[in-house]
Amino acid sequence: MSRSYFWTMLALILHQVDAAYWREWEMFHVPGGIQGFLVFNLAAIAVVLVGYRHVLLGTRQAFRYAAVCAALGAGTFLIHAGFALAGLEQFHLPLSIAILVLCLACAAWLLGDLRRVKATRPVPA
């Protein structure tokens, strides 16, 4: 699960770099503009990095953090697909699109790993 988490996390961070170029805070009407966007990223990136540590250490919280990371990856793709269908022109460059597809693909990989981990967990008595 550590590899699929890593790649999902990397895709999400790459997307946030790309989001700064596209001024994503304007798309979401983030209060505070760029400042609010940076505060959001401080929290979001901290959560996925702390989650990665939990996954690497195999803590009890690892499963929960991995589920959050997978949801963020899939959600990122779905939200931006919705924006594209609504006619917004941001994120239309080939690498922007590739990063969004990577978010979805890695999230699916991570979800598959989560299913395998859950299937091998001992059932509590």
N, C-alpha and C. Protein backbone atom coordinates (compact mmCIF):
# COMPACT_ATOMS: atom_id res chain seq x y z
N MET A 1 0.82 -1.19 0.00
CA MET A 1 0.00 0.00 0.00
C MET A 1 0.86 1.26 0.00
N SER A 2 2.10 1.16 0.44
CA SER A 2 2.93 2.37 0.51
C SER A 2 3.22 2.93 -0.88
N ARG A 3 3.38 2.07 -1.88
CA ARG A 3 3.64 2.58 -3.24
C ARG A 3 2.43 3.29 -3.82
N SER A 4 1.26 2.69 -3.68
CA SER A 4 0.06 3.31 -4.24
C SER A 4 -0.27 4.61 -3.50
N TYR A 5 -0.02 4.65 -2.19
CA TYR A 5 -0.23 5.88 -1.42
C TYR A 5 0.74 6.95 -1.92
N PHE A 6 2.01 6.58 -2.06
CA PHE A 6 3.03 7.53 -2.50
C PHE A 6 2.64 8.16 -3.84
N TRP A 7 2.25 7.33 -4.82
CA TRP A 7 1.94 7.85 -6.14
C TRP A 7 0.66 8.69 -6.14
N THR A 8 -0.31 8.34 -5.32
CA THR A 8 -1.51 9.16 -5.20
C THR A 8 -1.15 10.50 -4.57
N MET A 9 -0.36 10.47 -3.52
CA MET A 9 0.09 11.69 -2.86
C MET A 9 0.88 12.57 -3.82
N LEU A 10 1.77 11.97 -4.58
CA LEU A 10 2.57 12.73 -5.54
C LEU A 10 1.68 13.38 -6.59
N ALA A 11 0.71 12.64 -7.11
CA ALA A 11 -0.21 13.20 -8.10
C ALA A 11 -1.00 14.36 -7.52
N LEU A 12 -1.44 14.23 -6.28
CA LEU A 12 -2.19 15.32 -5.63
C LEU A 12 -1.32 16.56 -5.44
N ILE A 13 -0.08 16.37 -5.02
CA ILE A 13 0.81 17.52 -4.84
C ILE A 13 1.13 18.16 -6.18
N LEU A 14 1.39 17.36 -7.20
CA LEU A 14 1.61 17.90 -8.54
C LEU A 14 0.39 18.70 -9.01
N HIS A 15 -0.79 18.18 -8.73
CA HIS A 15 -1.99 18.91 -9.11
C HIS A 15 -2.06 20.26 -8.42
N GLN A 16 -1.67 20.33 -7.16
CA GLN A 16 -1.73 21.60 -6.44
C GLN A 16 -0.71 22.60 -7.00
N VAL A 17 0.41 22.12 -7.48
CA VAL A 17 1.37 23.00 -8.16
C VAL A 17 0.72 23.55 -9.43
N ASP A 18 0.10 22.67 -10.20
CA ASP A 18 -0.59 23.08 -11.42
C ASP A 18 -1.77 24.01 -11.09
N ALA A 19 -2.45 23.73 -9.99
CA ALA A 19 -3.60 24.55 -9.58
C ALA A 19 -3.17 25.99 -9.29
N ALA A 20 -1.96 26.17 -8.79
CA ALA A 20 -1.47 27.54 -8.55
C ALA A 20 -1.33 28.27 -9.88
N TYR A 21 -0.85 27.59 -10.90
CA TYR A 21 -0.73 28.20 -12.22
C TYR A 21 -2.11 28.63 -12.74
N TRP A 22 -3.10 27.77 -12.56
CA TRP A 22 -4.44 28.03 -13.08
C TRP A 22 -5.28 28.91 -12.16
N ARG A 23 -4.70 29.37 -11.05
CA ARG A 23 -5.41 30.24 -10.11
C ARG A 23 -6.71 29.58 -9.63
N GLU A 24 -6.55 28.35 -9.15
CA GLU A 24 -7.70 27.54 -8.77
C GLU A 24 -8.56 28.21 -7.69
N TRP A 25 -7.98 29.04 -6.88
CA TRP A 25 -8.74 29.72 -5.83
C TRP A 25 -9.87 30.55 -6.43
N GLU A 26 -9.69 31.01 -7.66
CA GLU A 26 -10.76 31.77 -8.32
C GLU A 26 -11.89 30.84 -8.77
N MET A 27 -11.56 29.64 -9.20
CA MET A 27 -12.58 28.67 -9.61
C MET A 27 -13.47 28.29 -8.43
N PHE A 28 -12.85 28.14 -7.26
CA PHE A 28 -13.58 27.72 -6.06
C PHE A 28 -14.07 28.89 -5.22
N HIS A 29 -13.75 30.10 -5.63
CA HIS A 29 -14.13 31.30 -4.88
C HIS A 29 -13.64 31.19 -3.43
N VAL A 30 -12.38 30.82 -3.27
CA VAL A 30 -11.79 30.62 -1.95
C VAL A 30 -11.68 31.97 -1.24
N PRO A 31 -12.22 32.08 -0.03
CA PRO A 31 -12.07 33.33 0.71
C PRO A 31 -10.58 33.63 0.93
N GLY A 32 -10.20 34.86 0.71
CA GLY A 32 -8.80 35.24 0.91
C GLY A 32 -7.95 35.04 -0.32
N GLY A 33 -8.53 34.56 -1.41
CA GLY A 33 -7.77 34.39 -2.65
C GLY A 33 -6.60 33.45 -2.48
N ILE A 34 -5.44 33.90 -2.96
CA ILE A 34 -4.23 33.07 -2.89
C ILE A 34 -3.88 32.73 -1.45
N GLN A 35 -4.14 33.64 -0.51
CA GLN A 35 -3.81 33.36 0.89
C GLN A 35 -4.66 32.20 1.42
N GLY A 36 -5.95 32.19 1.10
CA GLY A 36 -6.82 31.08 1.51
C GLY A 36 -6.41 29.78 0.85
N PHE A 37 -6.01 29.87 -0.42
CA PHE A 37 -5.53 28.69 -1.16
C PHE A 37 -4.29 28.11 -0.49
N LEU A 38 -3.38 28.96 -0.07
CA LEU A 38 -2.17 28.49 0.60
C LEU A 38 -2.48 27.86 1.95
N VAL A 39 -3.41 28.44 2.69
CA VAL A 39 -3.81 27.85 3.97
C VAL A 39 -4.42 26.47 3.75
N PHE A 40 -5.30 26.36 2.74
CA PHE A 40 -5.89 25.06 2.41
C PHE A 40 -4.78 24.05 2.10
N ASN A 41 -3.81 24.45 1.28
CA ASN A 41 -2.74 23.53 0.90
C ASN A 41 -1.84 23.17 2.06
N LEU A 42 -1.62 24.09 2.98
CA LEU A 42 -0.86 23.77 4.19
C LEU A 42 -1.52 22.61 4.92
N ALA A 43 -2.84 22.71 5.09
CA ALA A 43 -3.57 21.66 5.80
C ALA A 43 -3.64 20.36 4.98
N ALA A 44 -4.00 20.48 3.71
CA ALA A 44 -4.19 19.27 2.87
C ALA A 44 -2.89 18.51 2.68
N ILE A 45 -1.81 19.21 2.39
CA ILE A 45 -0.54 18.53 2.17
C ILE A 45 -0.02 17.94 3.48
N ALA A 46 -0.23 18.65 4.59
CA ALA A 46 0.18 18.10 5.89
C ALA A 46 -0.54 16.79 6.18
N VAL A 47 -1.84 16.75 5.88
CA VAL A 47 -2.63 15.52 6.13
C VAL A 47 -2.10 14.36 5.31
N VAL A 48 -1.85 14.57 4.00
CA VAL A 48 -1.38 13.44 3.20
C VAL A 48 0.04 13.03 3.57
N LEU A 49 0.88 13.97 3.99
CA LEU A 49 2.23 13.61 4.43
C LEU A 49 2.20 12.84 5.75
N VAL A 50 1.39 13.29 6.70
CA VAL A 50 1.26 12.56 7.96
C VAL A 50 0.68 11.18 7.69
N GLY A 51 -0.28 11.12 6.78
CA GLY A 51 -0.86 9.83 6.41
C GLY A 51 0.16 8.88 5.83
N TYR A 52 1.05 9.42 5.00
CA TYR A 52 2.10 8.58 4.41
C TYR A 52 2.99 7.98 5.51
N ARG A 53 3.29 8.77 6.51
CA ARG A 53 4.08 8.27 7.64
C ARG A 53 3.35 7.11 8.33
N HIS A 54 2.04 7.28 8.54
CA HIS A 54 1.25 6.21 9.16
C HIS A 54 1.27 4.94 8.31
N VAL A 55 1.16 5.12 6.99
CA VAL A 55 1.18 3.95 6.10
C VAL A 55 2.54 3.26 6.18
N LEU A 56 3.61 4.04 6.14
CA LEU A 56 4.95 3.44 6.21
C LEU A 56 5.19 2.71 7.52
N LEU A 57 4.65 3.25 8.61
CA LEU A 57 4.85 2.63 9.92
C LEU A 57 3.82 1.54 10.22
N GLY A 58 2.79 1.45 9.38
CA GLY A 58 1.77 0.42 9.59
C GLY A 58 0.94 0.63 10.84
N THR A 59 0.64 1.88 11.17
CA THR A 59 -0.14 2.15 12.38
C THR A 59 -1.61 1.81 12.15
N ARG A 60 -2.39 1.85 13.23
CA ARG A 60 -3.82 1.58 13.12
C ARG A 60 -4.55 2.64 12.29
N GLN A 61 -4.01 3.84 12.24
CA GLN A 61 -4.63 4.92 11.48
C GLN A 61 -4.29 4.87 9.99
N ALA A 62 -3.37 4.01 9.59
CA ALA A 62 -2.91 3.96 8.19
C ALA A 62 -4.06 3.73 7.22
N PHE A 63 -4.95 2.82 7.55
CA PHE A 63 -6.07 2.50 6.66
C PHE A 63 -6.94 3.73 6.44
N ARG A 64 -7.23 4.45 7.52
CA ARG A 64 -8.08 5.64 7.43
C ARG A 64 -7.42 6.73 6.59
N TYR A 65 -6.12 6.97 6.83
CA TYR A 65 -5.41 7.98 6.04
C TYR A 65 -5.36 7.58 4.56
N ALA A 66 -5.16 6.31 4.29
CA ALA A 66 -5.11 5.86 2.90
C ALA A 66 -6.47 6.04 2.23
N ALA A 67 -7.54 5.79 2.95
CA ALA A 67 -8.87 6.00 2.40
C ALA A 67 -9.11 7.48 2.08
N VAL A 68 -8.64 8.35 2.95
CA VAL A 68 -8.77 9.80 2.72
C VAL A 68 -7.95 10.20 1.49
N CYS A 69 -6.74 9.70 1.38
CA CYS A 69 -5.88 10.02 0.24
C CYS A 69 -6.52 9.54 -1.07
N ALA A 70 -7.06 8.34 -1.06
CA ALA A 70 -7.72 7.81 -2.26
C ALA A 70 -8.94 8.66 -2.62
N ALA A 71 -9.72 9.06 -1.61
CA ALA A 71 -10.89 9.90 -1.86
C ALA A 71 -10.48 11.25 -2.44
N LEU A 72 -9.40 11.81 -1.93
CA LEU A 72 -8.90 13.08 -2.47
C LEU A 72 -8.48 12.94 -3.93
N GLY A 73 -7.82 11.83 -4.26
CA GLY A 73 -7.39 11.61 -5.64
C GLY A 73 -8.57 11.47 -6.59
N ALA A 74 -9.53 10.65 -6.22
CA ALA A 74 -10.71 10.45 -7.07
C ALA A 74 -11.54 11.73 -7.12
N GLY A 75 -11.71 12.38 -5.97
CA GLY A 75 -12.48 13.61 -5.91
C GLY A 75 -11.87 14.72 -6.76
N THR A 76 -10.56 14.82 -6.74
CA THR A 76 -9.87 15.83 -7.55
C THR A 76 -10.20 15.64 -9.02
N PHE A 77 -10.11 14.41 -9.48
CA PHE A 77 -10.44 14.13 -10.88
C PHE A 77 -11.90 14.47 -11.17
N LEU A 78 -12.81 14.01 -10.34
CA LEU A 78 -14.24 14.19 -10.59
C LEU A 78 -14.63 15.67 -10.57
N ILE A 79 -14.11 16.42 -9.63
CA ILE A 79 -14.43 17.85 -9.55
C ILE A 79 -13.96 18.57 -10.81
N HIS A 80 -12.74 18.27 -11.24
CA HIS A 80 -12.21 18.96 -12.42
C HIS A 80 -12.86 18.48 -13.72
N ALA A 81 -13.29 17.23 -13.75
CA ALA A 81 -14.06 16.76 -14.91
C ALA A 81 -15.37 17.53 -14.98
N GLY A 82 -15.98 17.77 -13.83
CA GLY A 82 -17.21 18.57 -13.78
C GLY A 82 -16.98 19.99 -14.26
N PHE A 83 -15.86 20.59 -13.83
CA PHE A 83 -15.53 21.93 -14.30
C PHE A 83 -15.35 21.95 -15.82
N ALA A 84 -14.69 20.93 -16.35
CA ALA A 84 -14.47 20.86 -17.80
C ALA A 84 -15.81 20.73 -18.53
N LEU A 85 -16.70 19.88 -18.01
CA LEU A 85 -18.01 19.71 -18.64
C LEU A 85 -18.83 21.00 -18.56
N ALA A 86 -18.57 21.81 -17.52
CA ALA A 86 -19.29 23.09 -17.37
C ALA A 86 -18.70 24.18 -18.27
N GLY A 87 -17.60 23.86 -18.96
CA GLY A 87 -17.03 24.80 -19.92
C GLY A 87 -15.87 25.63 -19.42
N LEU A 88 -15.39 25.37 -18.19
CA LEU A 88 -14.23 26.11 -17.71
C LEU A 88 -13.00 25.70 -18.51
N GLU A 89 -12.14 26.64 -18.77
CA GLU A 89 -11.00 26.38 -19.65
C GLU A 89 -9.70 26.06 -18.91
N GLN A 90 -9.72 26.14 -17.59
CA GLN A 90 -8.52 25.81 -16.84
C GLN A 90 -8.23 24.30 -16.93
N PHE A 91 -6.99 23.95 -16.72
CA PHE A 91 -6.53 22.55 -16.69
C PHE A 91 -6.75 21.85 -18.03
N HIS A 92 -6.64 22.57 -19.14
CA HIS A 92 -6.86 21.97 -20.44
C HIS A 92 -5.56 21.60 -21.17
N LEU A 93 -4.42 21.96 -20.59
CA LEU A 93 -3.15 21.59 -21.22
C LEU A 93 -2.90 20.10 -21.03
N PRO A 94 -2.14 19.48 -21.94
CA PRO A 94 -1.95 18.02 -21.87
C PRO A 94 -1.41 17.51 -20.52
N LEU A 95 -0.43 18.18 -19.95
CA LEU A 95 0.10 17.69 -18.66
C LEU A 95 -0.87 17.93 -17.51
N SER A 96 -1.65 19.00 -17.58
CA SER A 96 -2.69 19.23 -16.57
C SER A 96 -3.70 18.08 -16.60
N ILE A 97 -4.11 17.71 -17.79
CA ILE A 97 -5.06 16.60 -17.96
C ILE A 97 -4.42 15.29 -17.49
N ALA A 98 -3.16 15.09 -17.86
CA ALA A 98 -2.46 13.86 -17.45
C ALA A 98 -2.36 13.75 -15.94
N ILE A 99 -2.11 14.86 -15.26
CA ILE A 99 -2.01 14.84 -13.80
C ILE A 99 -3.36 14.49 -13.19
N LEU A 100 -4.44 15.03 -13.74
CA LEU A 100 -5.78 14.71 -13.22
C LEU A 100 -6.10 13.23 -13.44
N VAL A 101 -5.75 12.71 -14.60
CA VAL A 101 -5.97 11.27 -14.87
C VAL A 101 -5.10 10.44 -13.93
N LEU A 102 -3.88 10.90 -13.68
CA LEU A 102 -2.99 10.20 -12.74
C LEU A 102 -3.59 10.19 -11.34
N CYS A 103 -4.22 11.29 -10.93
CA CYS A 103 -4.90 11.32 -9.62
C CYS A 103 -5.94 10.21 -9.53
N LEU A 104 -6.73 10.07 -10.58
CA LEU A 104 -7.77 9.04 -10.58
C LEU A 104 -7.18 7.63 -10.63
N ALA A 105 -6.21 7.42 -11.50
CA ALA A 105 -5.61 6.09 -11.65
C ALA A 105 -4.92 5.64 -10.36
N CYS A 106 -4.18 6.55 -9.75
CA CYS A 106 -3.48 6.20 -8.50
C CYS A 106 -4.47 5.98 -7.36
N ALA A 107 -5.53 6.78 -7.33
CA ALA A 107 -6.56 6.59 -6.31
C ALA A 107 -7.21 5.22 -6.46
N ALA A 108 -7.47 4.80 -7.70
CA ALA A 108 -8.05 3.47 -7.94
C ALA A 108 -7.09 2.38 -7.48
N TRP A 109 -5.81 2.55 -7.77
CA TRP A 109 -4.79 1.60 -7.33
C TRP A 109 -4.78 1.52 -5.80
N LEU A 110 -4.80 2.69 -5.14
CA LEU A 110 -4.79 2.73 -3.68
C LEU A 110 -6.06 2.08 -3.12
N LEU A 111 -7.19 2.33 -3.72
CA LEU A 111 -8.44 1.68 -3.27
C LEU A 111 -8.35 0.17 -3.41
N GLY A 112 -7.75 -0.30 -4.50
CA GLY A 112 -7.54 -1.74 -4.66
C GLY A 112 -6.66 -2.30 -3.56
N ASP A 113 -5.60 -1.58 -3.23
CA ASP A 113 -4.72 -2.01 -2.13
C ASP A 113 -5.48 -2.02 -0.80
N LEU A 114 -6.33 -1.03 -0.60
CA LEU A 114 -7.12 -0.98 0.64
C LEU A 114 -8.06 -2.18 0.74
N ARG A 115 -8.67 -2.55 -0.38
CA ARG A 115 -9.55 -3.72 -0.38
C ARG A 115 -8.76 -4.99 -0.03
N ARG A 116 -7.56 -5.12 -0.58
CA ARG A 116 -6.74 -6.30 -0.29
C ARG A 116 -6.33 -6.32 1.18
N VAL A 117 -5.96 -5.17 1.72
CA VAL A 117 -5.57 -5.10 3.12
C VAL A 117 -6.76 -5.45 4.02
N LYS A 118 -7.91 -4.91 3.69
CA LYS A 118 -9.11 -5.18 4.49
C LYS A 118 -9.47 -6.66 4.44
N ALA A 119 -9.30 -7.28 3.28
CA ALA A 119 -9.64 -8.70 3.12
C ALA A 119 -8.72 -9.61 3.92
N THR A 120 -7.49 -9.15 4.18
CA THR A 120 -6.54 -9.99 4.92
C THR A 120 -6.49 -9.66 6.40
N ARG A 121 -7.23 -8.63 6.82
CA ARG A 121 -7.26 -8.26 8.24
C ARG A 121 -7.98 -9.34 9.04
N PRO A 122 -7.50 -9.61 10.24
CA PRO A 122 -8.23 -10.56 11.09
C PRO A 122 -9.55 -9.92 11.54
N VAL A 123 -10.59 -10.75 11.59
CA VAL A 123 -11.90 -10.29 12.02
C VAL A 123 -11.91 -10.21 13.55
N PRO A 124 -12.27 -9.01 14.11
CA PRO A 124 -12.30 -8.90 15.58
C PRO A 124 -13.38 -9.79 16.18
N ALA A 125 -13.08 -10.35 17.33
CA ALA A 125 -14.02 -11.27 17.97
C ALA A 125 -15.07 -10.52 18.76
